[in-house]
Amino acid sequence: MAESRAISQYVAEKYKGKGSDLTRHENHKEAALVKVWLEVESQRYNPPIHQIIVQFFLMPAMGQASNQAVIDTNVELLGKVLDVYESRLSTTKYLAGDFYSLADLHHLPYTHYLMKSPYADLINSRPHVAAWWEDISSRPASRKVRANMILGDKQD
């Protein structure tokens, strides 16, 4: 859904006083870091991972051939982005700091599918990124959502 980032930011702001503060609204420095990493996800992480997922899962599901050249190009691009993540996550537990935020949450959908593909090593080969993914994907709410994410899964 194209508006999912805006919707999630709206919900996080609306309910910031209940549960986790995913935008860090009371700390301007932390809030700015959340916004920076939201932009990184949207502008640098999402474009290549989106292409990988579309080519690997969606094209075959629609009866069309995957374009391996598109996958290869985007695997290379995503690898460069993940090198930056590896560096960042070597100094902080989460992307915006030592706190879970909306910036981490926005990575859940496409990364979930990437981990079900032959390209999971993009995450697993980077120890800090792999630890971050394990942390954010094993949260109870993440597990609950991921249980219903079945793209590429065999259904009975």
N, C-alpha and C. Protein backbone atom coordinates (compact mmCIF):
# COMPACT_ATOMS: atom_id res chain seq x y z
N MET A 1 0.85 -1.17 0.00
CA MET A 1 0.00 0.00 0.00
C MET A 1 0.90 1.24 0.00
N ALA A 2 0.70 2.08 -0.96
CA ALA A 2 1.57 3.24 -1.13
C ALA A 2 1.55 4.18 0.06
N GLU A 3 0.44 4.26 0.74
CA GLU A 3 0.31 5.21 1.85
C GLU A 3 0.67 4.61 3.20
N SER A 4 1.18 3.39 3.24
CA SER A 4 1.40 2.72 4.52
C SER A 4 2.38 3.46 5.42
N ARG A 5 3.37 4.10 4.85
CA ARG A 5 4.32 4.85 5.69
C ARG A 5 3.61 6.03 6.36
N ALA A 6 2.82 6.75 5.60
CA ALA A 6 2.09 7.89 6.17
C ALA A 6 1.08 7.42 7.21
N ILE A 7 0.40 6.32 6.92
CA ILE A 7 -0.58 5.79 7.86
C ILE A 7 0.09 5.36 9.16
N SER A 8 1.21 4.66 9.05
CA SER A 8 1.89 4.20 10.26
C SER A 8 2.42 5.38 11.07
N GLN A 9 2.88 6.43 10.41
CA GLN A 9 3.34 7.61 11.13
C GLN A 9 2.17 8.31 11.83
N TYR A 10 1.03 8.37 11.15
CA TYR A 10 -0.17 8.95 11.76
C TYR A 10 -0.57 8.17 13.01
N VAL A 11 -0.63 6.85 12.89
CA VAL A 11 -1.03 6.01 14.03
C VAL A 11 -0.03 6.15 15.18
N ALA A 12 1.26 6.15 14.85
CA ALA A 12 2.30 6.30 15.89
C ALA A 12 2.16 7.64 16.62
N GLU A 13 1.88 8.69 15.88
CA GLU A 13 1.70 10.01 16.50
C GLU A 13 0.40 10.07 17.31
N LYS A 14 -0.66 9.54 16.75
CA LYS A 14 -1.96 9.60 17.42
C LYS A 14 -1.93 8.87 18.76
N TYR A 15 -1.24 7.73 18.80
CA TYR A 15 -1.23 6.90 20.00
C TYR A 15 0.11 6.94 20.73
N LYS A 16 0.86 8.02 20.56
CA LYS A 16 2.18 8.11 21.16
C LYS A 16 2.18 8.03 22.68
N GLY A 17 1.11 8.36 23.31
CA GLY A 17 1.02 8.28 24.76
C GLY A 17 0.63 6.91 25.28
N LYS A 18 0.33 6.01 24.36
CA LYS A 18 -0.09 4.66 24.75
C LYS A 18 0.89 3.66 24.16
N GLY A 19 1.56 2.90 24.98
CA GLY A 19 2.52 1.92 24.48
C GLY A 19 3.85 2.56 24.13
N SER A 20 4.51 1.98 23.16
CA SER A 20 5.85 2.44 22.76
C SER A 20 5.77 3.75 21.99
N ASP A 21 6.72 4.61 22.25
CA ASP A 21 6.84 5.86 21.49
C ASP A 21 7.73 5.58 20.29
N LEU A 22 7.14 5.23 19.19
CA LEU A 22 7.90 4.84 18.00
C LEU A 22 8.50 6.01 17.24
N THR A 23 8.11 7.24 17.58
CA THR A 23 8.65 8.42 16.89
C THR A 23 9.59 9.24 17.77
N ARG A 24 9.68 8.90 19.03
CA ARG A 24 10.54 9.59 20.02
C ARG A 24 10.24 11.08 20.06
N HIS A 25 8.97 11.42 20.07
CA HIS A 25 8.51 12.80 19.96
C HIS A 25 8.99 13.73 21.07
N GLU A 26 9.33 13.19 22.22
CA GLU A 26 9.75 14.06 23.33
C GLU A 26 11.24 14.40 23.31
N ASN A 27 12.00 13.73 22.48
CA ASN A 27 13.43 13.99 22.39
C ASN A 27 13.73 14.39 20.94
N HIS A 28 14.01 15.66 20.73
CA HIS A 28 14.17 16.18 19.37
C HIS A 28 15.31 15.52 18.61
N LYS A 29 16.41 15.23 19.29
CA LYS A 29 17.53 14.58 18.61
C LYS A 29 17.15 13.17 18.18
N GLU A 30 16.54 12.41 19.08
CA GLU A 30 16.12 11.05 18.74
C GLU A 30 15.03 11.07 17.67
N ALA A 31 14.10 12.01 17.76
CA ALA A 31 13.04 12.13 16.74
C ALA A 31 13.64 12.41 15.37
N ALA A 32 14.66 13.25 15.34
CA ALA A 32 15.32 13.56 14.06
C ALA A 32 16.00 12.32 13.50
N LEU A 33 16.63 11.53 14.37
CA LEU A 33 17.27 10.30 13.90
C LEU A 33 16.25 9.30 13.38
N VAL A 34 15.10 9.23 14.01
CA VAL A 34 14.03 8.36 13.50
C VAL A 34 13.65 8.82 12.10
N LYS A 35 13.49 10.13 11.92
CA LYS A 35 13.11 10.66 10.60
C LYS A 35 14.18 10.39 9.56
N VAL A 36 15.44 10.52 9.94
CA VAL A 36 16.54 10.24 8.99
C VAL A 36 16.44 8.79 8.52
N TRP A 37 16.28 7.85 9.46
CA TRP A 37 16.26 6.44 9.09
C TRP A 37 14.95 6.03 8.41
N LEU A 38 13.88 6.76 8.66
CA LEU A 38 12.66 6.55 7.88
C LEU A 38 12.91 6.91 6.42
N GLU A 39 13.63 7.99 6.21
CA GLU A 39 13.98 8.40 4.84
C GLU A 39 14.94 7.42 4.18
N VAL A 40 15.91 6.95 4.93
CA VAL A 40 16.85 5.96 4.38
C VAL A 40 16.08 4.72 3.93
N GLU A 41 15.18 4.24 4.79
CA GLU A 41 14.38 3.07 4.41
C GLU A 41 13.57 3.34 3.15
N SER A 42 12.91 4.47 3.12
CA SER A 42 12.04 4.81 2.00
C SER A 42 12.79 5.04 0.70
N GLN A 43 13.92 5.73 0.78
CA GLN A 43 14.62 6.16 -0.43
C GLN A 43 15.78 5.26 -0.86
N ARG A 44 16.39 4.54 0.05
CA ARG A 44 17.56 3.73 -0.28
C ARG A 44 17.33 2.22 -0.12
N TYR A 45 16.65 1.82 0.93
CA TYR A 45 16.42 0.41 1.21
C TYR A 45 15.26 -0.14 0.38
N ASN A 46 14.15 0.56 0.41
CA ASN A 46 12.95 0.06 -0.24
C ASN A 46 13.08 -0.11 -1.75
N PRO A 47 13.64 0.83 -2.49
CA PRO A 47 13.67 0.63 -3.96
C PRO A 47 14.33 -0.68 -4.41
N PRO A 48 15.53 -1.02 -3.94
CA PRO A 48 16.10 -2.28 -4.43
C PRO A 48 15.40 -3.52 -3.86
N ILE A 49 15.02 -3.50 -2.59
CA ILE A 49 14.39 -4.70 -2.03
C ILE A 49 13.02 -4.92 -2.68
N HIS A 50 12.33 -3.85 -2.99
CA HIS A 50 11.05 -3.95 -3.69
C HIS A 50 11.22 -4.67 -5.02
N GLN A 51 12.23 -4.29 -5.78
CA GLN A 51 12.47 -4.91 -7.09
C GLN A 51 12.81 -6.39 -6.96
N ILE A 52 13.59 -6.73 -5.95
CA ILE A 52 13.94 -8.13 -5.72
C ILE A 52 12.68 -8.94 -5.42
N ILE A 53 11.84 -8.43 -4.54
CA ILE A 53 10.62 -9.14 -4.15
C ILE A 53 9.66 -9.26 -5.34
N VAL A 54 9.50 -8.18 -6.08
CA VAL A 54 8.61 -8.22 -7.25
C VAL A 54 9.10 -9.26 -8.25
N GLN A 55 10.39 -9.22 -8.54
CA GLN A 55 10.92 -10.14 -9.56
C GLN A 55 10.92 -11.59 -9.07
N PHE A 56 11.26 -11.81 -7.82
CA PHE A 56 11.39 -13.18 -7.34
C PHE A 56 10.03 -13.83 -7.01
N PHE A 57 9.13 -13.07 -6.38
CA PHE A 57 7.86 -13.64 -5.94
C PHE A 57 6.67 -13.29 -6.84
N LEU A 58 6.53 -12.00 -7.15
CA LEU A 58 5.30 -11.57 -7.82
C LEU A 58 5.24 -11.93 -9.30
N MET A 59 6.32 -11.74 -10.00
CA MET A 59 6.29 -12.04 -11.43
C MET A 59 5.92 -13.51 -11.67
N PRO A 60 6.57 -14.46 -11.02
CA PRO A 60 6.17 -15.87 -11.21
C PRO A 60 4.72 -16.13 -10.76
N ALA A 61 4.27 -15.47 -9.70
CA ALA A 61 2.90 -15.66 -9.24
C ALA A 61 1.89 -15.17 -10.28
N MET A 62 2.32 -14.23 -11.11
CA MET A 62 1.45 -13.70 -12.18
C MET A 62 1.69 -14.43 -13.50
N GLY A 63 2.47 -15.52 -13.44
CA GLY A 63 2.72 -16.31 -14.64
C GLY A 63 3.74 -15.73 -15.58
N GLN A 64 4.55 -14.80 -15.07
CA GLN A 64 5.58 -14.17 -15.88
C GLN A 64 6.97 -14.58 -15.37
N ALA A 65 7.92 -14.48 -16.25
CA ALA A 65 9.29 -14.83 -15.88
C ALA A 65 9.94 -13.71 -15.07
N SER A 66 10.74 -14.10 -14.12
CA SER A 66 11.55 -13.13 -13.39
C SER A 66 12.64 -12.62 -14.29
N ASN A 67 13.05 -11.39 -14.07
CA ASN A 67 14.17 -10.82 -14.81
C ASN A 67 15.39 -10.88 -13.89
N GLN A 68 16.25 -11.85 -14.12
CA GLN A 68 17.40 -12.06 -13.25
C GLN A 68 18.35 -10.87 -13.28
N ALA A 69 18.44 -10.18 -14.39
CA ALA A 69 19.31 -9.00 -14.47
C ALA A 69 18.82 -7.91 -13.52
N VAL A 70 17.51 -7.74 -13.42
CA VAL A 70 16.94 -6.76 -12.48
C VAL A 70 17.24 -7.19 -11.05
N ILE A 71 17.06 -8.48 -10.77
CA ILE A 71 17.36 -8.98 -9.43
C ILE A 71 18.83 -8.75 -9.10
N ASP A 72 19.73 -9.12 -10.01
CA ASP A 72 21.17 -8.99 -9.75
C ASP A 72 21.57 -7.54 -9.49
N THR A 73 21.05 -6.63 -10.29
CA THR A 73 21.36 -5.21 -10.11
C THR A 73 20.91 -4.73 -8.74
N ASN A 74 19.71 -5.14 -8.35
CA ASN A 74 19.16 -4.67 -7.09
C ASN A 74 19.75 -5.38 -5.89
N VAL A 75 20.21 -6.62 -6.06
CA VAL A 75 20.95 -7.29 -4.99
C VAL A 75 22.23 -6.51 -4.70
N GLU A 76 22.90 -6.07 -5.74
CA GLU A 76 24.12 -5.28 -5.56
C GLU A 76 23.82 -3.95 -4.86
N LEU A 77 22.75 -3.28 -5.30
CA LEU A 77 22.38 -2.01 -4.66
C LEU A 77 22.00 -2.20 -3.19
N LEU A 78 21.20 -3.22 -2.93
CA LEU A 78 20.78 -3.47 -1.55
C LEU A 78 21.98 -3.84 -0.68
N GLY A 79 22.92 -4.58 -1.24
CA GLY A 79 24.13 -4.92 -0.50
C GLY A 79 24.89 -3.68 -0.05
N LYS A 80 24.97 -2.68 -0.91
CA LYS A 80 25.66 -1.43 -0.54
C LYS A 80 24.92 -0.71 0.57
N VAL A 81 23.59 -0.71 0.51
CA VAL A 81 22.79 -0.09 1.57
C VAL A 81 23.00 -0.85 2.87
N LEU A 82 23.00 -2.16 2.79
CA LEU A 82 23.17 -2.97 4.00
C LEU A 82 24.57 -2.85 4.59
N ASP A 83 25.55 -2.50 3.78
CA ASP A 83 26.88 -2.21 4.32
C ASP A 83 26.82 -0.98 5.23
N VAL A 84 26.04 0.01 4.84
CA VAL A 84 25.84 1.20 5.68
C VAL A 84 25.10 0.80 6.95
N TYR A 85 24.09 -0.04 6.83
CA TYR A 85 23.36 -0.52 8.00
C TYR A 85 24.30 -1.28 8.94
N GLU A 86 25.14 -2.12 8.37
CA GLU A 86 26.08 -2.90 9.20
C GLU A 86 26.97 -1.96 10.01
N SER A 87 27.44 -0.92 9.39
CA SER A 87 28.27 0.06 10.08
C SER A 87 27.48 0.75 11.19
N ARG A 88 26.28 1.19 10.87
CA ARG A 88 25.45 1.88 11.85
C ARG A 88 25.11 0.95 13.02
N LEU A 89 24.71 -0.26 12.70
CA LEU A 89 24.27 -1.20 13.74
C LEU A 89 25.44 -1.78 14.54
N SER A 90 26.65 -1.46 14.15
CA SER A 90 27.81 -1.85 14.97
C SER A 90 27.98 -0.89 16.15
N THR A 91 27.26 0.24 16.11
CA THR A 91 27.37 1.23 17.18
C THR A 91 26.08 1.47 17.93
N THR A 92 24.95 1.01 17.38
CA THR A 92 23.66 1.16 18.04
C THR A 92 22.86 -0.13 17.88
N LYS A 93 21.95 -0.39 18.79
CA LYS A 93 21.15 -1.61 18.72
C LYS A 93 20.12 -1.55 17.59
N TYR A 94 19.56 -0.36 17.38
CA TYR A 94 18.56 -0.15 16.34
C TYR A 94 19.03 0.98 15.44
N LEU A 95 18.33 1.21 14.36
CA LEU A 95 18.81 2.17 13.37
C LEU A 95 18.91 3.59 13.91
N ALA A 96 17.91 4.06 14.61
CA ALA A 96 17.92 5.44 15.09
C ALA A 96 18.64 5.61 16.43
N GLY A 97 19.01 4.52 17.06
CA GLY A 97 19.68 4.59 18.36
C GLY A 97 19.49 3.29 19.10
N ASP A 98 19.57 3.36 20.41
CA ASP A 98 19.41 2.15 21.23
C ASP A 98 17.96 1.96 21.66
N PHE A 99 17.05 2.31 20.78
CA PHE A 99 15.62 2.18 21.03
C PHE A 99 14.93 1.75 19.74
N TYR A 100 13.92 0.92 19.88
CA TYR A 100 13.12 0.46 18.74
C TYR A 100 12.23 1.61 18.29
N SER A 101 12.16 1.82 16.98
CA SER A 101 11.37 2.94 16.48
C SER A 101 10.64 2.56 15.20
N LEU A 102 9.87 3.50 14.72
CA LEU A 102 9.15 3.31 13.46
C LEU A 102 10.12 3.06 12.31
N ALA A 103 11.32 3.58 12.42
CA ALA A 103 12.33 3.34 11.37
C ALA A 103 12.65 1.86 11.26
N ASP A 104 12.73 1.17 12.35
CA ASP A 104 12.96 -0.28 12.34
C ASP A 104 11.71 -1.01 11.83
N LEU A 105 10.58 -0.62 12.34
CA LEU A 105 9.32 -1.27 11.99
C LEU A 105 9.05 -1.24 10.49
N HIS A 106 9.39 -0.15 9.83
CA HIS A 106 9.12 -0.03 8.39
C HIS A 106 9.89 -1.06 7.56
N HIS A 107 10.90 -1.67 8.11
CA HIS A 107 11.68 -2.68 7.39
C HIS A 107 11.04 -4.06 7.41
N LEU A 108 10.06 -4.26 8.26
CA LEU A 108 9.51 -5.59 8.47
C LEU A 108 8.94 -6.27 7.23
N PRO A 109 8.06 -5.65 6.45
CA PRO A 109 7.39 -6.41 5.38
C PRO A 109 8.33 -6.97 4.32
N TYR A 110 9.06 -6.12 3.64
CA TYR A 110 9.90 -6.61 2.55
C TYR A 110 11.05 -7.48 3.06
N THR A 111 11.60 -7.15 4.23
CA THR A 111 12.70 -7.97 4.74
C THR A 111 12.19 -9.36 5.10
N HIS A 112 10.98 -9.44 5.60
CA HIS A 112 10.36 -10.75 5.87
C HIS A 112 10.39 -11.61 4.62
N TYR A 113 9.98 -11.04 3.50
CA TYR A 113 9.96 -11.81 2.25
C TYR A 113 11.36 -12.08 1.72
N LEU A 114 12.25 -11.13 1.86
CA LEU A 114 13.63 -11.35 1.43
C LEU A 114 14.22 -12.56 2.14
N MET A 115 13.89 -12.71 3.42
CA MET A 115 14.42 -13.82 4.21
C MET A 115 13.85 -15.17 3.77
N LYS A 116 12.81 -15.17 2.97
CA LYS A 116 12.23 -16.40 2.43
C LYS A 116 12.74 -16.67 1.02
N SER A 117 13.70 -15.90 0.59
CA SER A 117 14.23 -16.02 -0.76
C SER A 117 15.68 -16.48 -0.72
N PRO A 118 16.25 -16.79 -1.87
CA PRO A 118 17.67 -17.16 -1.91
C PRO A 118 18.61 -15.99 -1.59
N TYR A 119 18.04 -14.82 -1.39
CA TYR A 119 18.86 -13.63 -1.15
C TYR A 119 18.94 -13.25 0.33
N ALA A 120 18.51 -14.16 1.20
CA ALA A 120 18.56 -13.92 2.64
C ALA A 120 19.97 -13.67 3.14
N ASP A 121 20.95 -14.16 2.41
CA ASP A 121 22.33 -13.95 2.83
C ASP A 121 22.73 -12.48 2.83
N LEU A 122 21.99 -11.65 2.11
CA LEU A 122 22.24 -10.21 2.18
C LEU A 122 22.13 -9.72 3.62
N ILE A 123 21.22 -10.29 4.37
CA ILE A 123 21.04 -9.97 5.79
C ILE A 123 21.97 -10.83 6.64
N ASN A 124 21.92 -12.13 6.43
CA ASN A 124 22.64 -13.07 7.29
C ASN A 124 24.16 -12.94 7.25
N SER A 125 24.70 -12.43 6.17
CA SER A 125 26.16 -12.31 6.05
C SER A 125 26.71 -11.09 6.79
N ARG A 126 25.85 -10.27 7.29
CA ARG A 126 26.26 -9.07 8.03
C ARG A 126 25.82 -9.26 9.49
N PRO A 127 26.75 -9.55 10.39
CA PRO A 127 26.36 -9.97 11.75
C PRO A 127 25.50 -8.96 12.50
N HIS A 128 25.79 -7.68 12.38
CA HIS A 128 24.99 -6.69 13.10
C HIS A 128 23.61 -6.53 12.48
N VAL A 129 23.54 -6.59 11.16
CA VAL A 129 22.24 -6.53 10.49
C VAL A 129 21.43 -7.77 10.83
N ALA A 130 22.08 -8.93 10.83
CA ALA A 130 21.39 -10.18 11.16
C ALA A 130 20.84 -10.14 12.60
N ALA A 131 21.62 -9.63 13.53
CA ALA A 131 21.17 -9.54 14.92
C ALA A 131 20.00 -8.55 15.04
N TRP A 132 20.10 -7.44 14.33
CA TRP A 132 19.01 -6.45 14.32
C TRP A 132 17.75 -7.09 13.74
N TRP A 133 17.87 -7.80 12.61
CA TRP A 133 16.70 -8.44 12.02
C TRP A 133 16.11 -9.46 12.97
N GLU A 134 16.93 -10.28 13.59
CA GLU A 134 16.43 -11.27 14.55
C GLU A 134 15.66 -10.58 15.67
N ASP A 135 16.18 -9.47 16.15
CA ASP A 135 15.53 -8.73 17.23
C ASP A 135 14.18 -8.18 16.78
N ILE A 136 14.16 -7.44 15.68
CA ILE A 136 12.91 -6.78 15.30
C ILE A 136 11.88 -7.77 14.77
N SER A 137 12.31 -8.86 14.16
CA SER A 137 11.35 -9.81 13.60
C SER A 137 10.82 -10.78 14.65
N SER A 138 11.47 -10.87 15.79
CA SER A 138 11.02 -11.80 16.83
C SER A 138 10.17 -11.12 17.90
N ARG A 139 9.95 -9.84 17.76
CA ARG A 139 9.08 -9.14 18.70
C ARG A 139 7.67 -9.75 18.60
N PRO A 140 6.94 -9.84 19.68
CA PRO A 140 5.61 -10.47 19.62
C PRO A 140 4.69 -9.88 18.54
N ALA A 141 4.63 -8.58 18.43
CA ALA A 141 3.76 -7.97 17.42
C ALA A 141 4.25 -8.31 16.01
N SER A 142 5.56 -8.34 15.82
CA SER A 142 6.11 -8.70 14.50
C SER A 142 5.77 -10.13 14.16
N ARG A 143 5.92 -11.03 15.12
CA ARG A 143 5.59 -12.44 14.87
C ARG A 143 4.11 -12.60 14.51
N LYS A 144 3.27 -11.86 15.18
CA LYS A 144 1.84 -11.94 14.92
C LYS A 144 1.53 -11.48 13.49
N VAL A 145 2.11 -10.39 13.07
CA VAL A 145 1.89 -9.87 11.72
C VAL A 145 2.48 -10.82 10.69
N ARG A 146 3.70 -11.25 10.92
CA ARG A 146 4.39 -12.12 9.95
C ARG A 146 3.67 -13.44 9.75
N ALA A 147 2.94 -13.90 10.73
CA ALA A 147 2.20 -15.17 10.60
C ALA A 147 1.17 -15.10 9.48
N ASN A 148 0.73 -13.89 9.16
CA ASN A 148 -0.27 -13.72 8.11
C ASN A 148 0.34 -13.26 6.77
N MET A 149 1.63 -13.17 6.71
CA MET A 149 2.31 -12.74 5.48
C MET A 149 2.71 -13.99 4.71
N ILE A 150 1.96 -14.34 3.70
CA ILE A 150 2.12 -15.65 3.06
C ILE A 150 2.62 -15.58 1.63
N LEU A 151 3.01 -14.46 1.13
CA LEU A 151 3.53 -14.35 -0.23
C LEU A 151 4.68 -15.34 -0.40
N GLY A 152 4.56 -16.21 -1.37
CA GLY A 152 5.61 -17.18 -1.62
C GLY A 152 5.51 -18.45 -0.81
N ASP A 153 4.59 -18.50 0.14
CA ASP A 153 4.41 -19.69 0.94
C ASP A 153 3.52 -20.68 0.19
N LYS A 154 3.76 -21.93 0.40
CA LYS A 154 2.89 -22.97 -0.17
C LYS A 154 1.65 -23.05 0.70
N GLN A 155 0.52 -23.04 0.04
CA GLN A 155 -0.74 -23.13 0.77
C GLN A 155 -1.41 -24.45 0.45
N ASP A 156 -2.07 -25.03 1.44
CA ASP A 156 -2.77 -26.30 1.24
C ASP A 156 -4.14 -26.06 0.64
